[in-house]
PDB file of N, CA and C in Angstrom:
ATOM      1  N   MET A   1     -44.551 -42.794 -11.990  1.00  0.00           N
ATOM      2  CA  MET A   1     -43.347 -41.987 -12.046  1.00  0.00           C
ATOM      3  C   MET A   1     -42.813 -41.916 -13.475  1.00  0.00           C
ATOM      4  N   THR A   2     -42.832 -43.025 -14.200  1.00  0.00           N
ATOM      5  CA  THR A   2     -42.306 -43.045 -15.558  1.00  0.00           C
ATOM      6  C   THR A   2     -43.124 -42.139 -16.469  1.00  0.00           C
ATOM      7  N   GLN A   3     -44.430 -42.139 -16.322  1.00  0.00           N
ATOM      8  CA  GLN A   3     -45.273 -41.274 -17.152  1.00  0.00           C
ATOM      9  C   GLN A   3     -44.939 -39.810 -16.895  1.00  0.00           C
ATOM     10  N   ASN A   4     -44.685 -39.458 -15.643  1.00  0.00           N
ATOM     11  CA  ASN A   4     -44.318 -38.082 -15.318  1.00  0.00           C
ATOM     12  C   ASN A   4     -42.993 -37.698 -15.966  1.00  0.00           C
ATOM     13  N   MET A   5     -42.037 -38.624 -15.968  1.00  0.00           N
ATOM     14  CA  MET A   5     -40.737 -38.349 -16.605  1.00  0.00           C
ATOM     15  C   MET A   5     -40.905 -38.125 -18.100  1.00  0.00           C
ATOM     16  N   LYS A   6     -41.714 -38.990 -18.746  1.00  0.00           N
ATOM     17  CA  LYS A   6     -41.942 -38.833 -20.184  1.00  0.00           C
ATOM     18  C   LYS A   6     -42.608 -37.492 -20.475  1.00  0.00           C
ATOM     19  N   HIS A   7     -43.593 -37.125 -19.663  1.00  0.00           N
ATOM     20  CA  HIS A   7     -44.283 -35.851 -19.847  1.00  0.00           C
ATOM     21  C   HIS A   7     -43.301 -34.691 -19.666  1.00  0.00           C
ATOM     22  N   PHE A   8     -42.437 -34.796 -18.655  1.00  0.00           N
ATOM     23  CA  PHE A   8     -41.433 -33.769 -18.390  1.00  0.00           C
ATOM     24  C   PHE A   8     -40.498 -33.595 -19.579  1.00  0.00           C
ATOM     25  N   ARG A   9     -40.042 -34.704 -20.154  1.00  0.00           N
ATOM     26  CA  ARG A   9     -39.123 -34.638 -21.294  1.00  0.00           C
ATOM     27  C   ARG A   9     -39.810 -34.086 -22.535  1.00  0.00           C
ATOM     28  N   LEU A  10     -41.059 -34.462 -22.753  1.00  0.00           N
ATOM     29  CA  LEU A  10     -41.775 -33.971 -23.929  1.00  0.00           C
ATOM     30  C   LEU A  10     -42.021 -32.472 -23.846  1.00  0.00           C
ATOM     31  N   GLN A  11     -42.225 -31.948 -22.647  1.00  0.00           N
ATOM     32  CA  GLN A  11     -42.438 -30.512 -22.497  1.00  0.00           C
ATOM     33  C   GLN A  11     -41.245 -29.721 -23.002  1.00  0.00           C
ATOM     34  N   THR A  12     -40.056 -30.230 -22.797  1.00  0.00           N
ATOM     35  CA  THR A  12     -38.852 -29.543 -23.255  1.00  0.00           C
ATOM     36  C   THR A  12     -38.858 -29.401 -24.765  1.00  0.00           C
ATOM     37  N   PHE A  13     -39.170 -30.497 -25.462  1.00  0.00           N
ATOM     38  CA  PHE A  13     -39.155 -30.460 -26.915  1.00  0.00           C
ATOM     39  C   PHE A  13     -40.280 -29.589 -27.460  1.00  0.00           C
ATOM     40  N   LYS A  14     -41.444 -29.595 -26.824  1.00  0.00           N
ATOM     41  CA  LYS A  14     -42.552 -28.761 -27.277  1.00  0.00           C
ATOM     42  C   LYS A  14     -42.235 -27.284 -27.065  1.00  0.00           C
ATOM     43  N   ALA A  15     -41.624 -26.967 -25.938  1.00  0.00           N
ATOM     44  CA  ALA A  15     -41.317 -25.567 -25.633  1.00  0.00           C
ATOM     45  C   ALA A  15     -40.313 -24.993 -26.625  1.00  0.00           C
ATOM     46  N   VAL A  16     -39.346 -25.788 -27.042  1.00  0.00           N
ATOM     47  CA  VAL A  16     -38.338 -25.310 -27.992  1.00  0.00           C
ATOM     48  C   VAL A  16     -38.983 -25.050 -29.343  1.00  0.00           C
ATOM     49  N   GLY A  17     -39.887 -25.901 -29.774  1.00  0.00           N
ATOM     50  CA  GLY A  17     -40.512 -25.770 -31.078  1.00  0.00           C
ATOM     51  C   GLY A  17     -41.547 -24.669 -31.153  1.00  0.00           C
ATOM     52  N   SER A  18     -42.211 -24.346 -30.050  1.00  0.00           N
ATOM     53  CA  SER A  18     -43.307 -23.387 -30.097  1.00  0.00           C
ATOM     54  C   SER A  18     -42.902 -21.982 -29.678  1.00  0.00           C
ATOM     55  N   GLU A  19     -41.644 -21.763 -29.413  1.00  0.00           N
ATOM     56  CA  GLU A  19     -41.192 -20.478 -28.917  1.00  0.00           C
ATOM     57  C   GLU A  19     -41.093 -19.454 -30.037  1.00  0.00           C
ATOM     58  N   SER A  20     -41.592 -18.241 -29.778  1.00  0.00           N
ATOM     59  CA  SER A  20     -41.424 -17.142 -30.736  1.00  0.00           C
ATOM     60  C   SER A  20     -40.980 -15.910 -29.969  1.00  0.00           C
ATOM     61  N   GLU A  21     -39.787 -15.429 -30.290  1.00  0.00           N
ATOM     62  CA  GLU A  21     -39.229 -14.274 -29.578  1.00  0.00           C
ATOM     63  C   GLU A  21     -39.330 -13.029 -30.443  1.00  0.00           C
ATOM     64  N   SER A  22     -39.585 -11.905 -29.781  1.00  0.00           N
ATOM     65  CA  SER A  22     -39.597 -10.637 -30.501  1.00  0.00           C
ATOM     66  C   SER A  22     -38.170 -10.153 -30.673  1.00  0.00           C
ATOM     67  N   SER A  23     -37.987  -9.144 -31.471  1.00  0.00           N
ATOM     68  CA  SER A  23     -36.628  -8.678 -31.750  1.00  0.00           C
ATOM     69  C   SER A  23     -36.017  -8.059 -30.500  1.00  0.00           C
ATOM     70  N   ASP A  24     -34.793  -8.456 -30.194  1.00  0.00           N
ATOM     71  CA  ASP A  24     -34.109  -7.983 -28.998  1.00  0.00           C
ATOM     72  C   ASP A  24     -33.620  -6.551 -29.165  1.00  0.00           C
ATOM     73  N   SER A  25     -33.329  -6.142 -30.389  1.00  0.00           N
ATOM     74  CA  SER A  25     -32.779  -4.798 -30.591  1.00  0.00           C
ATOM     75  C   SER A  25     -33.779  -3.712 -30.192  1.00  0.00           C
ATOM     76  N   GLU A  26     -35.077  -3.963 -30.425  1.00  0.00           N
ATOM     77  CA  GLU A  26     -36.083  -2.970 -30.046  1.00  0.00           C
ATOM     78  C   GLU A  26     -36.143  -2.827 -28.531  1.00  0.00           C
ATOM     79  N   ASP A  27     -36.091  -3.982 -27.808  1.00  0.00           N
ATOM     80  CA  ASP A  27     -36.208  -3.940 -26.359  1.00  0.00           C
ATOM     81  C   ASP A  27     -34.948  -3.391 -25.703  1.00  0.00           C
ATOM     82  N   GLU A  28     -33.779  -3.659 -26.286  1.00  0.00           N
ATOM     83  CA  GLU A  28     -32.545  -3.181 -25.690  1.00  0.00           C
ATOM     84  C   GLU A  28     -32.450  -1.661 -25.792  1.00  0.00           C
ATOM     85  N   GLU A  29     -32.975  -1.095 -26.856  1.00  0.00           N
ATOM     86  CA  GLU A  29     -32.942   0.361 -27.010  1.00  0.00           C
ATOM     87  C   GLU A  29     -33.950   1.028 -26.077  1.00  0.00           C
ATOM     88  N   GLU A  30     -34.975   0.304 -25.760  1.00  0.00           N
ATOM     89  CA  GLU A  30     -36.044   0.852 -24.935  1.00  0.00           C
ATOM     90  C   GLU A  30     -35.771   0.503 -23.473  1.00  0.00           C
ATOM     91  N   ASN A  31     -35.715   1.493 -22.614  1.00  0.00           N
ATOM     92  CA  ASN A  31     -35.437   1.255 -21.202  1.00  0.00           C
ATOM     93  C   ASN A  31     -36.667   1.480 -20.336  1.00  0.00           C
ATOM     94  N   SER A  32     -37.822   1.355 -20.905  1.00  0.00           N
ATOM     95  CA  SER A  32     -39.044   1.545 -20.136  1.00  0.00           C
ATOM     96  C   SER A  32     -39.250   0.356 -19.206  1.00  0.00           C
ATOM     97  N   PRO A  33     -40.008   0.544 -18.158  1.00  0.00           N
ATOM     98  CA  PRO A  33     -40.265  -0.565 -17.230  1.00  0.00           C
ATOM     99  C   PRO A  33     -40.915  -1.783 -17.919  1.00  0.00           C
ATOM    100  N   ALA A  34     -41.781  -1.543 -18.892  1.00  0.00           N
ATOM    101  CA  ALA A  34     -42.430  -2.648 -19.601  1.00  0.00           C
ATOM    102  C   ALA A  34     -41.411  -3.461 -20.398  1.00  0.00           C
ATOM    103  N   ALA A  35     -40.461  -2.778 -21.047  1.00  0.00           N
ATOM    104  CA  ALA A  35     -39.429  -3.472 -21.816  1.00  0.00           C
ATOM    105  C   ALA A  35     -38.510  -4.274 -20.897  1.00  0.00           C
ATOM    106  N   ILE A  36     -38.197  -3.675 -19.751  1.00  0.00           N
ATOM    107  CA  ILE A  36     -37.349  -4.391 -18.793  1.00  0.00           C
ATOM    108  C   ILE A  36     -38.053  -5.632 -18.279  1.00  0.00           C
ATOM    109  N   LYS A  37     -39.347  -5.525 -18.003  1.00  0.00           N
ATOM    110  CA  LYS A  37     -40.124  -6.684 -17.537  1.00  0.00           C
ATOM    111  C   LYS A  37     -40.170  -7.774 -18.603  1.00  0.00           C
ATOM    112  N   ARG A  38     -40.339  -7.373 -19.869  1.00  0.00           N
ATOM    113  CA  ARG A  38     -40.374  -8.361 -20.964  1.00  0.00           C
ATOM    114  C   ARG A  38     -39.033  -9.090 -21.077  1.00  0.00           C
ATOM    115  N   ARG A  39     -37.936  -8.315 -21.014  1.00  0.00           N
ATOM    116  CA  ARG A  39     -36.610  -8.938 -21.077  1.00  0.00           C
ATOM    117  C   ARG A  39     -36.392  -9.877 -19.900  1.00  0.00           C
ATOM    118  N   HIS A  40     -36.797  -9.419 -18.728  1.00  0.00           N
ATOM    119  CA  HIS A  40     -36.642 -10.252 -17.531  1.00  0.00           C
ATOM    120  C   HIS A  40     -37.465 -11.539 -17.662  1.00  0.00           C
ATOM    121  N   LYS A  41     -38.662 -11.432 -18.167  1.00  0.00           N
ATOM    122  CA  LYS A  41     -39.518 -12.603 -18.352  1.00  0.00           C
ATOM    123  C   LYS A  41     -38.884 -13.579 -19.349  1.00  0.00           C
ATOM    124  N   ARG A  42     -38.351 -13.037 -20.461  1.00  0.00           N
ATOM    125  CA  ARG A  42     -37.698 -13.906 -21.455  1.00  0.00           C
ATOM    126  C   ARG A  42     -36.474 -14.601 -20.871  1.00  0.00           C
ATOM    127  N   GLU A  43     -35.702 -13.857 -20.069  1.00  0.00           N
ATOM    128  CA  GLU A  43     -34.526 -14.449 -19.445  1.00  0.00           C
ATOM    129  C   GLU A  43     -34.908 -15.556 -18.469  1.00  0.00           C
ATOM    130  N   LEU A  44     -35.965 -15.345 -17.710  1.00  0.00           N
ATOM    131  CA  LEU A  44     -36.446 -16.385 -16.792  1.00  0.00           C
ATOM    132  C   LEU A  44     -36.928 -17.620 -17.556  1.00  0.00           C
ATOM    133  N   GLU A  45     -37.658 -17.391 -18.640  1.00  0.00           N
ATOM    134  CA  GLU A  45     -38.143 -18.512 -19.454  1.00  0.00           C
ATOM    135  C   GLU A  45     -36.966 -19.275 -20.069  1.00  0.00           C
ATOM    136  N   ARG A  46     -35.965 -18.539 -20.548  1.00  0.00           N
ATOM    137  CA  ARG A  46     -34.788 -19.181 -21.134  1.00  0.00           C
ATOM    138  C   ARG A  46     -34.042 -19.998 -20.080  1.00  0.00           C
ATOM    139  N   ALA A  47     -33.888 -19.434 -18.881  1.00  0.00           N
ATOM    140  CA  ALA A  47     -33.196 -20.158 -17.808  1.00  0.00           C
ATOM    141  C   ALA A  47     -33.982 -21.407 -17.411  1.00  0.00           C
ATOM    142  N   GLU A  48     -35.304 -21.283 -17.342  1.00  0.00           N
ATOM    143  CA  GLU A  48     -36.140 -22.437 -17.010  1.00  0.00           C
ATOM    144  C   GLU A  48     -36.026 -23.519 -18.083  1.00  0.00           C
ATOM    145  N   ARG A  49     -36.042 -23.102 -19.345  1.00  0.00           N
ATOM    146  CA  ARG A  49     -35.926 -24.059 -20.449  1.00  0.00           C
ATOM    147  C   ARG A  49     -34.571 -24.776 -20.414  1.00  0.00           C
ATOM    148  N   GLU A  50     -33.505 -24.018 -20.185  1.00  0.00           N
ATOM    149  CA  GLU A  50     -32.168 -24.623 -20.109  1.00  0.00           C
ATOM    150  C   GLU A  50     -32.077 -25.589 -18.930  1.00  0.00           C
ATOM    151  N   ASN A  51     -32.665 -25.209 -17.806  1.00  0.00           N
ATOM    152  CA  ASN A  51     -32.681 -26.078 -16.635  1.00  0.00           C
ATOM    153  C   ASN A  51     -33.436 -27.373 -16.940  1.00  0.00           C
ATOM    154  N   ARG A  52     -34.568 -27.245 -17.615  1.00  0.00           N
ATOM    155  CA  ARG A  52     -35.365 -28.415 -17.981  1.00  0.00           C
ATOM    156  C   ARG A  52     -34.590 -29.320 -18.942  1.00  0.00           C
ATOM    157  N   GLU A  53     -33.915 -28.728 -19.922  1.00  0.00           N
ATOM    158  CA  GLU A  53     -33.130 -29.512 -20.880  1.00  0.00           C
ATOM    159  C   GLU A  53     -31.971 -30.221 -20.193  1.00  0.00           C
ATOM    160  N   ASN A  54     -31.286 -29.517 -19.281  1.00  0.00           N
ATOM    161  CA  ASN A  54     -30.173 -30.127 -18.553  1.00  0.00           C
ATOM    162  C   ASN A  54     -30.654 -31.262 -17.656  1.00  0.00           C
ATOM    163  N   THR A  55     -31.778 -31.050 -16.993  1.00  0.00           N
ATOM    164  CA  THR A  55     -32.340 -32.096 -16.139  1.00  0.00           C
ATOM    165  C   THR A  55     -32.752 -33.298 -16.972  1.00  0.00           C
ATOM    166  N   SER A  56     -33.352 -33.043 -18.122  1.00  0.00           N
ATOM    167  CA  SER A  56     -33.751 -34.135 -19.007  1.00  0.00           C
ATOM    168  C   SER A  56     -32.538 -34.929 -19.473  1.00  0.00           C
ATOM    169  N   ALA A  57     -31.469 -34.239 -19.828  1.00  0.00           N
ATOM    170  CA  ALA A  57     -30.244 -34.919 -20.259  1.00  0.00           C
ATOM    171  C   ALA A  57     -29.646 -35.731 -19.116  1.00  0.00           C
ATOM    172  N   LEU A  58     -29.677 -35.180 -17.915  1.00  0.00           N
ATOM    173  CA  LEU A  58     -29.159 -35.898 -16.747  1.00  0.00           C
ATOM    174  C   LEU A  58     -29.972 -37.167 -16.482  1.00  0.00           C
ATOM    175  N   LEU A  59     -31.292 -37.068 -16.593  1.00  0.00           N
ATOM    176  CA  LEU A  59     -32.138 -38.242 -16.387  1.00  0.00           C
ATOM    177  C   LEU A  59     -31.867 -39.308 -17.444  1.00  0.00           C
ATOM    178  N   GLU A  60     -31.640 -38.871 -18.654  1.00  0.00           N
ATOM    179  CA  GLU A  60     -31.336 -39.821 -19.729  1.00  0.00           C
ATOM    180  C   GLU A  60     -29.995 -40.511 -19.479  1.00  0.00           C
ATOM    181  N   LEU A  61     -29.008 -39.761 -19.022  1.00  0.00           N
ATOM    182  CA  LEU A  61     -27.713 -40.360 -18.692  1.00  0.00           C
ATOM    183  C   LEU A  61     -27.837 -41.361 -17.543  1.00  0.00           C
ATOM    184  N   ARG A  62     -28.662 -41.024 -16.569  1.00  0.00           N
ATOM    185  CA  ARG A  62     -28.870 -41.941 -15.446  1.00  0.00           C
ATOM    186  C   ARG A  62     -29.548 -43.231 -15.912  1.00  0.00           C
ATOM    187  N   ASP A  63     -30.505 -43.112 -16.825  1.00  0.00           N
ATOM    188  CA  ASP A  63     -31.146 -44.299 -17.394  1.00  0.00           C
ATOM    189  C   ASP A  63     -30.125 -45.164 -18.122  1.00  0.00           C
ATOM    190  N   MET A  64     -29.248 -44.522 -18.884  1.00  0.00           N
ATOM    191  CA  MET A  64     -28.219 -45.271 -19.616  1.00  0.00           C
ATOM    192  C   MET A  64     -27.262 -45.973 -18.647  1.00  0.00           C
ATOM    193  N   GLU A  65     -26.925 -45.300 -17.563  1.00  0.00           N
ATOM    194  CA  GLU A  65     -26.047 -45.911 -16.563  1.00  0.00           C
ATOM    195  C   GLU A  65     -26.716 -47.133 -15.937  1.00  0.00           C
ATOM    196  N   ASP A  66     -28.012 -47.038 -15.643  1.00  0.00           N
ATOM    197  CA  ASP A  66     -28.752 -48.176 -15.093  1.00  0.00           C
ATOM    198  C   ASP A  66     -28.759 -49.345 -16.069  1.00  0.00           C
ATOM    199  N   GLU A  67     -28.962 -49.055 -17.349  1.00  0.00           N
ATOM    200  CA  GLU A  67     -28.970 -50.110 -18.359  1.00  0.00           C
ATOM    201  C   GLU A  67     -27.596 -50.771 -18.466  1.00  0.00           C
ATOM    202  N   MET A  68     -26.536 -49.974 -18.408  1.00  0.00           N
ATOM    203  CA  MET A  68     -25.186 -50.526 -18.477  1.00  0.00           C
ATOM    204  C   MET A  68     -24.890 -51.403 -17.256  1.00  0.00           C
ATOM    205  N   THR A  69     -25.342 -50.989 -16.086  1.00  0.00           N
ATOM    206  CA  THR A  69     -25.155 -51.792 -14.879  1.00  0.00           C
ATOM    207  C   THR A  69     -25.897 -53.115 -14.993  1.00  0.00           C
ATOM    208  N   THR A  70     -27.113 -53.071 -15.533  1.00  0.00           N
ATOM    209  CA  THR A  70     -27.893 -54.290 -15.724  1.00  0.00           C
ATOM    210  C   THR A  70     -27.184 -55.240 -16.684  1.00  0.00           C
ATOM    211  N   LEU A  71     -26.668 -54.705 -17.783  1.00  0.00           N
ATOM    212  CA  LEU A  71     -25.938 -55.537 -18.743  1.00  0.00           C
ATOM    213  C   LEU A  71     -24.686 -56.131 -18.121  1.00  0.00           C
ATOM    214  N   SER A  72     -23.984 -55.353 -17.326  1.00  0.00           N
ATOM    215  CA  SER A  72     -22.773 -55.837 -16.669  1.00  0.00           C
ATOM    216  C   SER A  72     -23.095 -57.009 -15.745  1.00  0.00           C
ATOM    217  N   LYS A  73     -24.156 -56.874 -14.962  1.00  0.00           N
ATOM    218  CA  LYS A  73     -24.562 -57.965 -14.066  1.00  0.00           C
ATOM    219  C   LYS A  73     -24.975 -59.198 -14.862  1.00  0.00           C
ATOM    220  N   LEU A  74     -25.661 -58.981 -15.985  1.00  0.00           N
ATOM    221  CA  LEU A  74     -26.068 -60.094 -16.837  1.00  0.00           C
ATOM    222  C   LEU A  74     -24.852 -60.846 -17.360  1.00  0.00           C
ATOM    223  N   PHE A  75     -23.840 -60.117 -17.837  1.00  0.00           N
ATOM    224  CA  PHE A  75     -22.627 -60.753 -18.358  1.00  0.00           C
ATOM    225  C   PHE A  75     -21.875 -61.503 -17.261  1.00  0.00           C
ATOM    226  N   GLU A  76     -21.828 -60.928 -16.062  1.00  0.00           N
ATOM    227  CA  GLU A  76     -21.177 -61.614 -14.944  1.00  0.00           C
ATOM    228  C   GLU A  76     -21.893 -62.922 -14.614  1.00  0.00           C
ATOM    229  N   THR A  77     -23.212 -62.897 -14.602  1.00  0.00           N
ATOM    230  CA  THR A  77     -23.993 -64.100 -14.322  1.00  0.00           C
ATOM    231  C   THR A  77     -23.775 -65.145 -15.407  1.00  0.00           C
ATOM    232  N   GLN A  78     -23.806 -64.708 -16.657  1.00  0.00           N
ATOM    233  CA  GLN A  78     -23.588 -65.650 -17.757  1.00  0.00           C
ATOM    234  C   GLN A  78     -22.202 -66.274 -17.670  1.00  0.00           C
ATOM    235  N   GLU A  79     -21.206 -65.463 -17.341  1.00  0.00           N
ATOM    236  CA  GLU A  79     -19.846 -65.979 -17.251  1.00  0.00           C
ATOM    237  C   GLU A  79     -19.733 -67.030 -16.152  1.00  0.00           C
ATOM    238  N   SER A  80     -20.319 -66.767 -15.000  1.00  0.00           N
ATOM    239  CA  SER A  80     -20.219 -67.734 -13.901  1.00  0.00           C
ATOM    240  C   SER A  80     -20.947 -69.035 -14.237  1.00  0.00           C
ATOM    241  N   ILE A  81     -22.099 -68.941 -14.909  1.00  0.00           N
ATOM    242  CA  ILE A  81     -22.841 -70.146 -15.290  1.00  0.00           C
ATOM    243  C   ILE A  81     -22.063 -70.953 -16.330  1.00  0.00           C
ATOM    244  N   ILE A  82     -21.494 -70.270 -17.306  1.00  0.00           N
ATOM    245  CA  ILE A  82     -20.733 -70.978 -18.349  1.00  0.00           C
ATOM    246  C   ILE A  82     -19.497 -71.642 -17.753  1.00  0.00           C
ATOM    247  N   LYS A  83     -18.817 -70.963 -16.815  1.00  0.00           N
ATOM    248  CA  LYS A  83     -17.662 -71.573 -16.166  1.00  0.00           C
ATOM    249  C   LYS A  83     -18.077 -72.801 -15.356  1.00  0.00           C
ATOM    250  N   SER A  84     -19.227 -72.720 -14.716  1.00  0.00           N
ATOM    251  CA  SER A  84     -19.744 -73.861 -13.965  1.00  0.00           C
ATOM    252  C   SER A  84     -20.046 -75.035 -14.901  1.00  0.00           C
ATOM    253  N   MET A  85     -20.690 -74.725 -16.028  1.00  0.00           N
ATOM    254  CA  MET A  85     -20.991 -75.773 -17.022  1.00  0.00           C
ATOM    255  C   MET A  85     -19.688 -76.393 -17.531  1.00  0.00           C
ATOM    256  N   LYS A  86     -18.701 -75.544 -17.791  1.00  0.00           N
ATOM    257  CA  LYS A  86     -17.418 -76.029 -18.314  1.00  0.00           C
ATOM    258  C   LYS A  86     -16.758 -76.986 -17.329  1.00  0.00           C
ATOM    259  N   SER A  87     -16.810 -76.637 -16.039  1.00  0.00           N
ATOM    260  CA  SER A  87     -16.201 -77.523 -15.039  1.00  0.00           C
ATOM    261  C   SER A  87     -16.924 -78.871 -14.981  1.00  0.00           C
ATOM    262  N   ILE A  88     -18.219 -78.888 -15.197  1.00  0.00           N
ATOM    263  CA  ILE A  88     -18.972 -80.144 -15.227  1.00  0.00           C
ATOM    264  C   ILE A  88     -18.618 -80.939 -16.480  1.00  0.00           C
ATOM    265  N   TYR A  89     -18.530 -80.252 -17.624  1.00  0.00           N
ATOM    266  CA  TYR A  89     -18.231 -80.926 -18.887  1.00  0.00           C
ATOM    267  C   TYR A  89     -16.815 -81.509 -18.900  1.00  0.00           C
ATOM    268  N   VAL A  90     -15.884 -80.913 -18.151  1.00  0.00           N
ATOM    269  CA  VAL A  90     -14.501 -81.368 -18.137  1.00  0.00           C
ATOM    270  C   VAL A  90     -14.302 -82.492 -17.102  1.00  0.00           C
ATOM    271  N   GLY A  91     -15.315 -82.779 -16.316  1.00  0.00           N
ATOM    272  CA  GLY A  91     -15.225 -83.822 -15.286  1.00  0.00           C
ATOM    273  C   GLY A  91     -14.900 -85.193 -15.870  1.00  0.00           C
ATOM    274  N   LYS A  92     -14.535 -86.114 -14.995  1.00  0.00           N
ATOM    275  CA  LYS A  92     -14.115 -87.462 -15.412  1.00  0.00           C
ATOM    276  C   LYS A  92     -15.158 -88.169 -16.266  1.00  0.00           C
ATOM    277  N   ASP A  93     -16.392 -88.111 -15.844  1.00  0.00           N
ATOM    278  CA  ASP A  93     -17.447 -88.883 -16.503  1.00  0.00           C
ATOM    279  C   ASP A  93     -17.825 -88.342 -17.880  1.00  0.00           C
ATOM    280  N   LEU A  94     -17.781 -87.046 -18.058  1.00  0.00           N
ATOM    281  CA  LEU A  94     -18.296 -86.437 -19.291  1.00  0.00           C
ATOM    282  C   LEU A  94     -17.216 -85.927 -20.248  1.00  0.00           C
ATOM    283  N   LYS A  95     -15.988 -85.959 -19.862  1.00  0.00           N
ATOM    284  CA  LYS A  95     -14.920 -85.346 -20.658  1.00  0.00           C
ATOM    285  C   LYS A  95     -14.867 -85.883 -22.086  1.00  0.00           C
ATOM    286  N   ASP A  96     -15.021 -87.182 -22.245  1.00  0.00           N
ATOM    287  CA  ASP A  96     -14.905 -87.796 -23.572  1.00  0.00           C
ATOM    288  C   ASP A  96     -16.103 -87.519 -24.473  1.00  0.00           C
ATOM    289  N   ILE A  97     -17.269 -87.370 -23.912  1.00  0.00           N
ATOM    290  CA  ILE A  97     -18.473 -87.214 -24.757  1.00  0.00           C
ATOM    291  C   ILE A  97     -18.924 -85.764 -24.918  1.00  0.00           C
ATOM    292  N   THR A  98     -18.238 -84.829 -24.282  1.00  0.00           N
ATOM    293  CA  THR A  98     -18.663 -83.420 -24.373  1.00  0.00           C
ATOM    294  C   THR A  98     -17.630 -82.531 -25.065  1.00  0.00           C
ATOM    295  N   GLY A  99     -16.868 -83.086 -25.971  1.00  0.00           N
ATOM    296  CA  GLY A  99     -15.846 -82.306 -26.674  1.00  0.00           C
ATOM    297  C   GLY A  99     -16.430 -81.129 -27.438  1.00  0.00           C
ATOM    298  N   ASN A 100     -17.509 -81.376 -28.190  1.00  0.00           N
ATOM    299  CA  ASN A 100     -18.137 -80.284 -28.949  1.00  0.00           C
ATOM    300  C   ASN A 100     -18.720 -79.224 -28.017  1.00  0.00           C
ATOM    301  N   GLY A 101     -19.346 -79.668 -26.952  1.00  0.00           N
ATOM    302  CA  GLY A 101     -19.927 -78.722 -25.991  1.00  0.00           C
ATOM    303  C   GLY A 101     -18.868 -77.849 -25.341  1.00  0.00           C
ATOM    304  N   GLN A 102     -17.715 -78.448 -25.068  1.00  0.00           N
ATOM    305  CA  GLN A 102     -16.621 -77.674 -24.471  1.00  0.00           C
ATOM    306  C   GLN A 102     -16.150 -76.580 -25.423  1.00  0.00           C
ATOM    307  N   PHE A 103     -16.108 -76.909 -26.700  1.00  0.00           N
ATOM    308  CA  PHE A 103     -15.708 -75.916 -27.706  1.00  0.00           C
ATOM    309  C   PHE A 103     -16.662 -74.714 -27.687  1.00  0.00           C
ATOM    310  N   TYR A 104     -17.967 -74.992 -27.649  1.00  0.00           N
ATOM    311  CA  TYR A 104     -18.946 -73.903 -27.647  1.00  0.00           C
ATOM    312  C   TYR A 104     -18.896 -73.086 -26.353  1.00  0.00           C
ATOM    313  N   LEU A 105     -18.625 -73.757 -25.256  1.00  0.00           N
ATOM    314  CA  LEU A 105     -18.501 -73.028 -23.992  1.00  0.00           C
ATOM    315  C   LEU A 105     -17.270 -72.124 -24.004  1.00  0.00           C
ATOM    316  N   ASP A 106     -16.164 -72.623 -24.570  1.00  0.00           N
ATOM    317  CA  ASP A 106     -14.965 -71.781 -24.693  1.00  0.00           C
ATOM    318  C   ASP A 106     -15.238 -70.560 -25.575  1.00  0.00           C
ATOM    319  N   GLU A 107     -15.961 -70.802 -26.651  1.00  0.00           N
ATOM    320  CA  GLU A 107     -16.307 -69.703 -27.564  1.00  0.00           C
ATOM    321  C   GLU A 107     -17.196 -68.670 -26.860  1.00  0.00           C
ATOM    322  N   ALA A 108     -18.142 -69.151 -26.076  1.00  0.00           N
ATOM    323  CA  ALA A 108     -19.029 -68.246 -25.331  1.00  0.00           C
ATOM    324  C   ALA A 108     -18.231 -67.404 -24.328  1.00  0.00           C
ATOM    325  N   LEU A 109     -17.271 -68.031 -23.673  1.00  0.00           N
ATOM    326  CA  LEU A 109     -16.432 -67.281 -22.719  1.00  0.00           C
ATOM    327  C   LEU A 109     -15.593 -66.212 -23.427  1.00  0.00           C
ATOM    328  N   GLU A 110     -15.127 -66.516 -24.630  1.00  0.00           N
ATOM    329  CA  GLU A 110     -14.387 -65.511 -25.403  1.00  0.00           C
ATOM    330  C   GLU A 110     -15.261 -64.314 -25.746  1.00  0.00           C
ATOM    331  N   TYR A 111     -16.518 -64.591 -26.154  1.00  0.00           N
ATOM    332  CA  TYR A 111     -17.433 -63.493 -26.463  1.00  0.00           C
ATOM    333  C   TYR A 111     -17.709 -62.643 -25.231  1.00  0.00           C
ATOM    334  N   LEU A 112     -17.854 -63.280 -24.098  1.00  0.00           N
ATOM    335  CA  LEU A 112     -18.108 -62.528 -22.862  1.00  0.00           C
ATOM    336  C   LEU A 112     -16.893 -61.692 -22.467  1.00  0.00           C
ATOM    337  N   ASP A 113     -15.689 -62.207 -22.718  1.00  0.00           N
ATOM    338  CA  ASP A 113     -14.490 -61.433 -22.410  1.00  0.00           C
ATOM    339  C   ASP A 113     -14.406 -60.178 -23.263  1.00  0.00           C
ATOM    340  N   GLU A 114     -14.879 -60.277 -24.505  1.00  0.00           N
ATOM    341  CA  GLU A 114     -14.862 -59.100 -25.385  1.00  0.00           C
ATOM    342  C   GLU A 114     -15.811 -58.054 -24.855  1.00  0.00           C
TER     343      GLU A 114
END
């Protein structure tokens, strides 16, 4: 599926770079059936290209949303683990010997809050 998405996105960029349009003023003055067909074909190609570009942008936004969700879950997990560690470090047995560790855990929680 990923290879198909990459191929789909690359087609958009190739189509934009390789496009060559004839002058519109000649076709607009000409109302022959052949000129109308050419204009119609160009309009269909333009609509297809715009649709492909919009779909590609939508897929990219969806990928970014997935990445942001993954990062959010990662930060939530890190926060819960650090809070758990902090509660252990503050316990009766370890409170006196884990002063430096508590400082680093507090600092880590501040970074996660940001």
